[in-house]
Amino acid sequence: MTKPKRILVAPLNWGLGHATRCIPILNALLENGHTPYIASDGVALALLQKEFPNIECFKLPSYKITYAENGKNFKIKMIWDSPKVLKAMAKEKKKIKQLVKELKLDGIISDNRLGVYSKKIPCVFITHQLNVLSGNTTWFSSKMHQEIIKKYSACWVPDVKEKPNLTGKLGHLKKSKLNIVYLGPLSRFERNGSTFKNDLMVLLSGPEPQRTILEEKLLKELQNYRGTVLFVKGKIEDKKVQKEVALPNGKITICNFMQSSALENAINSSKLVLCRSGYTTVMDLAKLEKKAFFIPTPGQYEQEYLARRLDKQGVVPFKNQEEFELDDLMHVENYQGLTNFSNPIDYKVLFEVFSNVKENSEPTSTSLST
C-alpha cells in the first residue's frame, strides 16, 4: 500500500473554474487516504473553504487580476497588470517554500498558479491551455507557458487525448517533450435525471467588472422572459441570499451563490443553461449532458475560441456580450447540446507521481481515463 502523502492543492483565483475543478481531485485525495491542504486567495479560496471546512487552508498573495471594461482592451490590461502578477508570484514562491518546510509536504498540485512550485518535491501543473491564445502573440504566449510547465513533474490536462475532445488546439500539441497526462474532463457533478423545475438557469462567474456588467444586462433582458428563471450570480459571500421577483409572464429566483450539491441539483433540473464559455463550465455541462447558450467574456481569447468551436460543431450557440438579446435563446433548438464522453479516472495510479523522484520521469503523453 502506498504511504499516505501530504499534498498541497493550489488553484488560481480567476473566477471560480480553477477552484471548482479541483474539487474532484481534493475528494480523490481524501478517498485514497492522503492529507490535502488548500492554498489560494479571493473567491477561489472562499469557495473551497465552504466545500471543505475540515481541510486546512492557506492564503496566497493575490495576482489582483481584473478585466478591462472594454473587451478590446483585454490584452493591454493584461500587459499593464503583468508587473503586479510577477510581484505576487515572487511572494507566492516564498510562501510555498515556507509551507513545504512547515507542513512537510510530499507533493504540490498547482492549477495555473505559476509561482506554486518547489524543486524539493514532485509538483504537478493542471491546465487545459497548452496553447495560450492571445491573438497575434499566441505563439509567444504559448511558448512561454510551455517553458513554465517544463519544470513540473507532470502536466495534467483535463480532457481526452483523442478526438472528439473539448479543448481542441488549446489542450493538444502536435509535438511536445512535456510530460502530459490526459485525465479526461473533470467535473464535480453527476447526472441525476431530475425533472425540469426551471425553464432557464443563468450561471455567472469570473473576475470583475465583466461579471457585474453581464449580470446587469441579463437582468434587464430577462424582464420579458416567459417562464421560470433561476439566476445564480456567482458571488461567494458569507451567507446565501435568495429572493424571488415576479415577471409579467413568469418569475425569476435570484441567489448570490450555491455550493456544489445544490448547484448540481439546480443544473440537472434546468432545461437550458445560459452562462460564460469558461472551460470548467463546459466540462460540467458536458458531464450533465445539458443544452446551453454561451456568452464568452469579452476579449478573453480562450472563451471566445471554445464558444466559436462548439457553435461551429452544432453543439452550443453563442453570442457576443454586447450583441446578445433575449430572442437569441431560440437558436438553441437547432443545436444538439453537450455530450458526456469522460471515463472514470484511476486516481490511485495518478497520485503515484508523488511517490516518484522527479528527475526519473520520462517525457510522454498519456491518458489516465480507464
Protein backbone atom coordinates (compact mmCIF):
# COMPACT_ATOMS: atom_id res chain seq x y z
CA MET A 1 0.00 0.00 0.00
CA THR A 2 1.26 3.47 -0.93
CA LYS A 3 2.26 5.57 2.05
CA PRO A 4 -0.23 8.47 2.57
CA LYS A 5 1.06 11.75 1.19
CA ARG A 6 0.68 15.36 2.28
CA ILE A 7 -0.38 17.25 -0.85
CA LEU A 8 -0.93 20.98 -1.34
CA VAL A 9 -3.64 21.88 -3.90
CA ALA A 10 -3.44 25.47 -5.14
CA PRO A 11 -5.89 26.78 -7.77
CA LEU A 12 -5.65 30.16 -9.49
CA ASN A 13 -8.20 32.75 -8.35
CA TRP A 14 -9.55 33.64 -11.80
CA GLY A 15 -13.29 33.29 -11.47
CA LEU A 16 -14.41 30.02 -9.90
CA GLY A 17 -13.45 27.49 -12.58
CA HIS A 18 -9.95 26.59 -11.36
CA ALA A 19 -11.22 26.08 -7.82
CA THR A 20 -14.28 24.01 -8.76
CA ARG A 21 -12.36 21.60 -10.98
CA CYS A 22 -10.01 20.93 -8.05
CA ILE A 23 -12.98 19.64 -6.00
CA PRO A 24 -12.95 16.12 -7.53
CA ILE A 25 -9.17 15.98 -7.06
CA LEU A 26 -9.44 17.00 -3.40
CA ASN A 27 -12.17 14.39 -2.88
CA ALA A 28 -9.99 11.74 -4.53
CA LEU A 29 -7.02 12.62 -2.32
CA LEU A 30 -9.21 12.14 0.76
CA GLU A 31 -10.71 8.91 -0.56
CA ASN A 32 -7.22 7.49 -1.21
CA GLY A 33 -6.07 8.23 2.34
CA HIS A 34 -3.90 11.25 1.59
CA THR A 35 -3.86 14.54 3.52
CA PRO A 36 -4.64 17.51 1.29
CA TYR A 37 -4.09 21.18 2.06
CA ILE A 38 -5.59 24.11 0.14
CA ALA A 39 -3.84 27.34 -0.85
CA SER A 40 -5.35 30.16 -2.89
CA ASP A 41 -6.90 33.61 -2.46
CA GLY A 42 -10.11 35.55 -3.02
CA VAL A 43 -13.32 33.85 -4.13
CA ALA A 44 -11.46 30.66 -5.12
CA LEU A 45 -10.24 30.18 -1.55
CA ALA A 46 -13.62 31.19 -0.09
CA LEU A 47 -15.43 28.60 -2.22
CA LEU A 48 -13.09 25.75 -1.28
CA GLN A 49 -13.27 26.69 2.40
CA LYS A 50 -17.05 26.29 2.21
CA GLU A 51 -16.77 22.99 0.33
CA PHE A 52 -14.05 21.54 2.60
CA PRO A 53 -14.41 23.07 6.09
CA ASN A 54 -12.18 20.35 7.60
CA ILE A 55 -9.20 20.86 5.28
CA GLU A 56 -6.55 23.31 6.46
CA CYS A 57 -6.37 26.34 4.13
CA PHE A 58 -3.71 28.96 3.47
CA LYS A 59 -3.96 32.35 1.80
CA LEU A 60 -1.57 33.09 -1.05
CA PRO A 61 -0.69 36.54 -2.44
CA SER A 62 -3.32 37.78 -4.89
CA TYR A 63 -2.42 38.26 -8.58
CA LYS A 64 -5.03 41.10 -8.50
CA ILE A 65 -6.26 40.22 -11.98
CA THR A 66 -9.20 42.25 -13.27
CA TYR A 67 -10.72 42.53 -16.74
CA ALA A 68 -10.87 45.68 -18.81
CA GLU A 69 -14.38 47.15 -19.06
CA ASN A 70 -13.95 47.12 -22.83
CA GLY A 71 -13.07 43.68 -24.18
CA LYS A 72 -10.93 45.22 -26.92
CA ASN A 73 -8.51 46.38 -24.21
CA PHE A 74 -8.14 42.90 -22.65
CA LYS A 75 -4.57 42.26 -23.85
CA ILE A 76 -3.41 45.79 -22.98
CA LYS A 77 -4.87 45.40 -19.48
CA MET A 78 -3.08 42.04 -19.03
CA ILE A 79 0.25 43.57 -20.09
CA TRP A 80 -0.36 46.54 -17.80
CA ASP A 81 -1.09 44.19 -14.87
CA SER A 82 1.91 41.90 -15.53
CA PRO A 83 4.27 43.67 -13.06
CA LYS A 84 1.69 43.07 -10.30
CA VAL A 85 1.45 39.40 -11.27
CA LEU A 86 5.23 38.96 -11.26
CA LYS A 87 5.47 40.64 -7.86
CA ALA A 88 2.74 38.37 -6.49
CA MET A 89 4.49 35.30 -7.94
CA ALA A 90 7.71 36.22 -6.13
CA LYS A 91 5.81 36.43 -2.82
CA GLU A 92 3.98 33.22 -3.69
CA LYS A 93 7.27 31.32 -4.15
CA LYS A 94 8.41 32.42 -0.68
CA LYS A 95 5.11 31.32 0.86
CA ILE A 96 5.31 27.92 -0.88
CA LYS A 97 8.89 27.41 0.34
CA GLN A 98 7.65 28.08 3.87
CA LEU A 99 4.67 25.70 3.53
CA VAL A 100 6.80 22.88 2.08
CA LYS A 101 9.03 23.07 5.15
CA GLU A 102 6.37 23.61 7.84
CA LEU A 103 3.82 21.08 6.53
CA LYS A 104 6.47 18.57 5.40
CA LEU A 105 4.72 18.32 2.05
CA ASP A 106 5.21 15.33 -0.24
CA GLY A 107 3.80 17.00 -3.33
CA ILE A 108 2.11 20.01 -4.89
CA ILE A 109 -0.78 20.33 -7.37
CA SER A 110 -0.89 23.79 -8.94
CA ASP A 111 -3.88 24.69 -11.09
CA ASN A 112 -2.39 27.52 -13.18
CA ARG A 113 -0.63 29.24 -10.25
CA LEU A 114 2.74 29.92 -11.82
CA GLY A 115 4.62 30.56 -8.58
CA VAL A 116 3.42 27.40 -6.82
CA TYR A 117 6.41 25.11 -7.28
CA SER A 118 9.25 23.52 -5.30
CA LYS A 119 12.42 21.83 -6.51
CA LYS A 120 12.43 19.60 -3.43
CA ILE A 121 9.23 17.60 -4.07
CA PRO A 122 7.20 16.35 -7.07
CA CYS A 123 4.98 19.10 -8.46
CA VAL A 124 2.09 18.81 -10.92
CA PHE A 125 0.63 21.58 -13.07
CA ILE A 126 -3.02 21.45 -14.15
CA THR A 127 -4.01 23.32 -17.30
CA HIS A 128 -6.23 22.93 -20.34
CA GLN A 129 -4.22 25.59 -22.15
CA LEU A 130 -1.04 24.05 -23.54
CA ASN A 131 -1.54 26.72 -26.18
CA VAL A 132 -2.41 30.12 -24.71
CA LEU A 133 -4.43 32.10 -27.24
CA SER A 134 -3.58 35.80 -27.30
CA GLY A 135 -4.31 36.96 -30.84
CA ASN A 136 -1.22 37.83 -32.86
CA THR A 137 1.02 36.95 -29.89
CA THR A 138 -0.32 33.38 -29.46
CA TRP A 139 2.98 31.76 -30.48
CA PHE A 140 4.90 33.74 -27.85
CA SER A 141 2.38 33.30 -25.00
CA SER A 142 2.11 29.56 -25.73
CA LYS A 143 5.89 29.12 -25.82
CA MET A 144 6.32 30.98 -22.52
CA HIS A 145 3.60 28.90 -20.86
CA GLN A 146 5.13 25.63 -22.07
CA GLU A 147 8.54 26.70 -20.72
CA ILE A 148 6.98 27.17 -17.28
CA ILE A 149 5.23 23.77 -17.45
CA LYS A 150 8.55 22.04 -18.29
CA LYS A 151 9.84 22.34 -14.74
CA TYR A 152 6.91 20.34 -13.30
CA SER A 153 6.96 16.56 -12.82
CA ALA A 154 3.81 16.24 -14.90
CA CYS A 155 1.15 18.33 -16.62
CA TRP A 156 -2.42 17.12 -16.08
CA VAL A 157 -4.78 18.15 -18.88
CA PRO A 158 -8.50 17.75 -18.03
CA ASP A 159 -9.55 16.46 -21.45
CA VAL A 160 -9.22 13.33 -23.56
CA LYS A 161 -6.19 12.85 -25.80
CA GLU A 162 -8.07 11.65 -28.87
CA LYS A 163 -10.80 13.23 -31.00
CA PRO A 164 -13.54 14.16 -30.32
CA ASN A 165 -12.44 16.32 -27.39
CA LEU A 166 -13.50 19.54 -25.67
CA THR A 167 -10.40 21.75 -25.88
CA GLY A 168 -9.28 21.40 -29.49
CA LYS A 169 -5.98 23.19 -30.11
CA LEU A 170 -5.98 24.64 -26.58
CA GLY A 171 -5.16 21.33 -24.91
CA HIS A 172 -3.37 19.45 -27.69
CA LEU A 173 0.10 19.88 -29.18
CA LYS A 174 1.34 18.37 -32.44
CA LYS A 175 4.77 17.75 -30.91
CA SER A 176 5.83 18.06 -27.30
CA LYS A 177 8.51 17.00 -24.85
CA LEU A 178 6.26 17.81 -21.90
CA ASN A 179 5.16 15.02 -19.54
CA ILE A 180 1.45 15.34 -20.40
CA VAL A 181 -1.21 13.18 -18.75
CA TYR A 182 -4.77 13.45 -20.11
CA LEU A 183 -7.22 12.96 -17.25
CA GLY A 184 -10.43 13.14 -19.21
CA PRO A 185 -12.85 16.01 -18.43
CA LEU A 186 -13.01 16.90 -14.72
CA SER A 187 -16.34 17.67 -13.09
CA ARG A 188 -17.63 17.73 -9.52
CA PHE A 189 -21.15 16.86 -10.78
CA GLU A 190 -23.18 13.75 -11.63
CA ARG A 191 -26.25 13.49 -13.81
CA ASN A 192 -29.27 12.51 -11.69
CA GLY A 193 -32.22 12.53 -14.10
CA SER A 194 -34.13 15.27 -12.27
CA THR A 195 -37.36 16.60 -13.75
CA PHE A 196 -37.16 20.18 -15.01
CA LYS A 197 -38.12 22.87 -12.48
CA ASN A 198 -36.53 25.82 -14.30
CA ASP A 199 -37.00 26.78 -17.94
CA LEU A 200 -33.75 28.73 -17.79
CA MET A 201 -30.79 28.85 -15.43
CA VAL A 202 -28.34 31.76 -15.57
CA LEU A 203 -24.95 30.86 -14.12
CA LEU A 204 -22.42 33.67 -13.76
CA SER A 205 -18.78 33.73 -12.64
CA GLY A 206 -15.48 35.36 -13.50
CA PRO A 207 -13.45 38.40 -12.47
CA GLU A 208 -14.92 41.87 -12.24
CA PRO A 209 -16.05 44.14 -13.74
CA GLN A 210 -17.29 41.85 -16.53
CA ARG A 211 -19.30 39.61 -14.17
CA THR A 212 -21.34 42.58 -12.96
CA ILE A 213 -21.72 44.03 -16.46
CA LEU A 214 -23.26 40.78 -17.70
CA GLU A 215 -25.42 40.42 -14.58
CA GLU A 216 -26.97 43.85 -15.12
CA LYS A 217 -27.51 43.24 -18.83
CA LEU A 218 -29.19 39.86 -18.34
CA LEU A 219 -31.48 41.01 -15.50
CA LYS A 220 -32.72 43.75 -17.84
CA GLU A 221 -33.17 41.36 -20.81
CA LEU A 222 -35.00 38.75 -18.71
CA GLN A 223 -37.84 41.11 -17.78
CA ASN A 224 -39.65 39.86 -20.88
CA TYR A 225 -38.83 36.14 -20.43
CA ARG A 226 -41.78 33.75 -20.48
CA GLY A 227 -41.15 31.05 -17.87
CA THR A 228 -39.27 30.30 -14.66
CA VAL A 229 -35.68 31.51 -14.26
CA LEU A 230 -33.03 30.60 -11.67
CA PHE A 231 -30.34 33.31 -11.63
CA VAL A 232 -27.09 32.43 -9.81
CA LYS A 233 -24.80 35.47 -9.58
CA GLY A 234 -21.63 33.57 -8.70
CA LYS A 235 -20.76 35.94 -5.85
CA ILE A 236 -19.19 33.99 -2.97
CA GLU A 237 -20.31 35.73 0.22
CA ASP A 238 -20.62 34.81 3.91
CA LYS A 239 -24.31 33.94 3.70
CA LYS A 240 -26.52 32.65 0.93
CA VAL A 241 -29.13 35.25 -0.06
CA GLN A 242 -32.14 34.37 -2.22
CA LYS A 243 -35.14 36.35 -3.45
CA GLU A 244 -37.97 35.92 -5.94
CA VAL A 245 -39.02 38.56 -8.45
CA ALA A 246 -42.29 38.33 -10.37
CA LEU A 247 -42.12 38.75 -14.15
CA PRO A 248 -45.08 39.64 -16.41
CA ASN A 249 -45.07 36.07 -17.75
CA GLY A 250 -43.16 34.11 -15.11
CA LYS A 251 -40.77 34.57 -12.21
CA ILE A 252 -37.06 34.82 -11.53
CA THR A 253 -35.33 33.44 -8.42
CA ILE A 254 -32.07 35.25 -7.72
CA CYS A 255 -29.33 33.94 -5.40
CA ASN A 256 -25.76 35.06 -4.81
CA PHE A 257 -24.12 31.59 -4.88
CA MET A 258 -24.72 27.86 -4.49
CA GLN A 259 -22.47 25.14 -3.09
CA SER A 260 -21.75 22.03 -5.12
CA SER A 261 -24.68 19.76 -4.15
CA ALA A 262 -27.31 22.49 -4.57
CA LEU A 263 -25.74 23.67 -7.82
CA GLU A 264 -25.63 20.11 -9.18
CA ASN A 265 -29.36 19.69 -8.49
CA ALA A 266 -30.16 23.11 -9.94
CA ILE A 267 -28.36 22.48 -13.23
CA ASN A 268 -29.83 18.98 -13.54
CA SER A 269 -33.34 20.38 -13.06
CA SER A 270 -32.91 23.25 -15.58
CA LYS A 271 -33.96 22.87 -19.21
CA LEU A 272 -31.42 25.40 -20.52
CA VAL A 273 -28.28 26.99 -19.04
CA LEU A 274 -27.09 30.49 -20.04
CA CYS A 275 -23.51 31.15 -18.98
CA ARG A 276 -19.92 32.02 -19.87
CA SER A 277 -17.94 29.59 -22.02
CA GLY A 278 -15.23 29.00 -19.43
CA TYR A 279 -13.70 25.56 -19.79
CA THR A 280 -14.71 24.26 -16.35
CA THR A 281 -18.32 25.22 -17.08
CA VAL A 282 -18.08 23.41 -20.43
CA MET A 283 -16.84 20.26 -18.65
CA ASP A 284 -19.61 20.44 -16.04
CA LEU A 285 -22.35 20.88 -18.64
CA ALA A 286 -20.91 18.06 -20.76
CA LYS A 287 -20.97 15.74 -17.73
CA LEU A 288 -24.64 16.62 -17.20
CA GLU A 289 -25.40 16.49 -20.96
CA LYS A 290 -27.07 19.91 -20.99
CA LYS A 291 -28.39 22.26 -23.60
CA ALA A 292 -26.70 25.64 -23.19
CA PHE A 293 -26.16 29.11 -24.62
CA PHE A 294 -22.76 30.79 -24.22
CA ILE A 295 -21.76 34.44 -23.82
CA PRO A 296 -17.93 34.49 -23.74
CA THR A 297 -16.15 37.05 -21.59
CA PRO A 298 -15.27 39.99 -23.89
CA GLY A 299 -11.64 39.89 -25.02
CA GLN A 300 -10.84 36.51 -23.42
CA TYR A 301 -9.49 34.56 -26.37
CA GLU A 302 -9.87 31.14 -24.76
CA GLN A 303 -13.61 31.55 -24.07
CA GLU A 304 -14.20 33.05 -27.49
CA TYR A 305 -12.39 30.12 -29.15
CA LEU A 306 -14.34 27.49 -27.19
CA ALA A 307 -17.66 29.22 -27.94
CA ARG A 308 -16.92 29.53 -31.68
CA ARG A 309 -15.68 25.92 -31.87
CA LEU A 310 -18.77 24.44 -30.18
CA ASP A 311 -21.06 26.66 -32.24
CA LYS A 312 -19.39 25.55 -35.49
CA GLN A 313 -19.78 21.90 -34.44
CA GLY A 314 -23.52 22.43 -33.90
CA VAL A 315 -23.23 21.74 -30.17
CA VAL A 316 -23.92 25.07 -28.40
CA PRO A 317 -24.81 28.50 -29.87
CA PHE A 318 -23.19 31.71 -28.65
CA LYS A 319 -23.43 35.48 -28.96
CA ASN A 320 -21.05 38.26 -28.03
CA GLN A 321 -21.99 40.10 -24.84
CA GLU A 322 -22.74 43.46 -26.48
CA GLU A 323 -24.95 41.86 -29.14
CA PHE A 324 -26.91 39.38 -27.02
CA GLU A 325 -30.69 39.71 -26.97
CA LEU A 326 -33.31 37.50 -25.32
CA ASP A 327 -34.59 36.18 -28.68
CA ASP A 328 -31.17 34.62 -29.34
CA LEU A 329 -32.07 31.81 -26.93
CA MET A 330 -34.47 30.46 -29.56
CA HIS A 331 -31.47 29.25 -31.60
CA VAL A 332 -30.75 26.53 -29.02
CA GLU A 333 -33.41 24.32 -30.64
CA ASN A 334 -31.12 23.88 -33.67
CA TYR A 335 -28.14 22.63 -31.61
CA GLN A 336 -27.55 19.13 -30.22
CA GLY A 337 -26.25 20.12 -26.77
CA LEU A 338 -23.18 18.88 -24.92
CA THR A 339 -22.36 15.20 -24.59
CA ASN A 340 -20.53 13.38 -21.82
CA PHE A 341 -17.63 11.29 -23.13
CA SER A 342 -15.48 11.06 -20.00
CA ASN A 343 -14.39 7.85 -18.28
CA PRO A 344 -13.51 7.24 -14.61
CA ILE A 345 -10.02 8.35 -13.60
CA ASP A 346 -7.70 5.89 -11.85
CA TYR A 347 -6.64 8.28 -9.11
CA LYS A 348 -4.51 5.68 -7.36
CA VAL A 349 -2.29 5.49 -10.45
CA LEU A 350 -2.47 9.24 -10.97
CA PHE A 351 -1.20 10.03 -7.48
CA GLU A 352 1.82 7.73 -7.89
CA VAL A 353 3.62 10.75 -9.31
CA PHE A 354 4.13 11.86 -5.70
CA SER A 355 5.98 8.63 -4.93
CA ASN A 356 8.42 9.14 -7.80
CA VAL A 357 11.61 11.13 -7.95
CA LYS A 358 11.04 13.99 -10.38
CA GLU A 359 14.24 13.56 -12.32
CA ASN A 360 13.33 9.95 -13.22
CA SER A 361 10.11 10.83 -15.07
CA GLU A 362 10.26 10.32 -18.83
CA PRO A 363 8.53 12.89 -21.08
CA THR A 364 5.42 11.31 -22.55
CA SER A 365 1.80 11.90 -23.44
CA THR A 366 -0.68 9.53 -21.81
CA SER A 367 -4.26 9.18 -20.73
CA LEU A 368 -5.40 8.30 -17.21
CA SER A 369 -9.01 7.64 -18.17
CA THR A 370 -9.91 3.99 -17.74
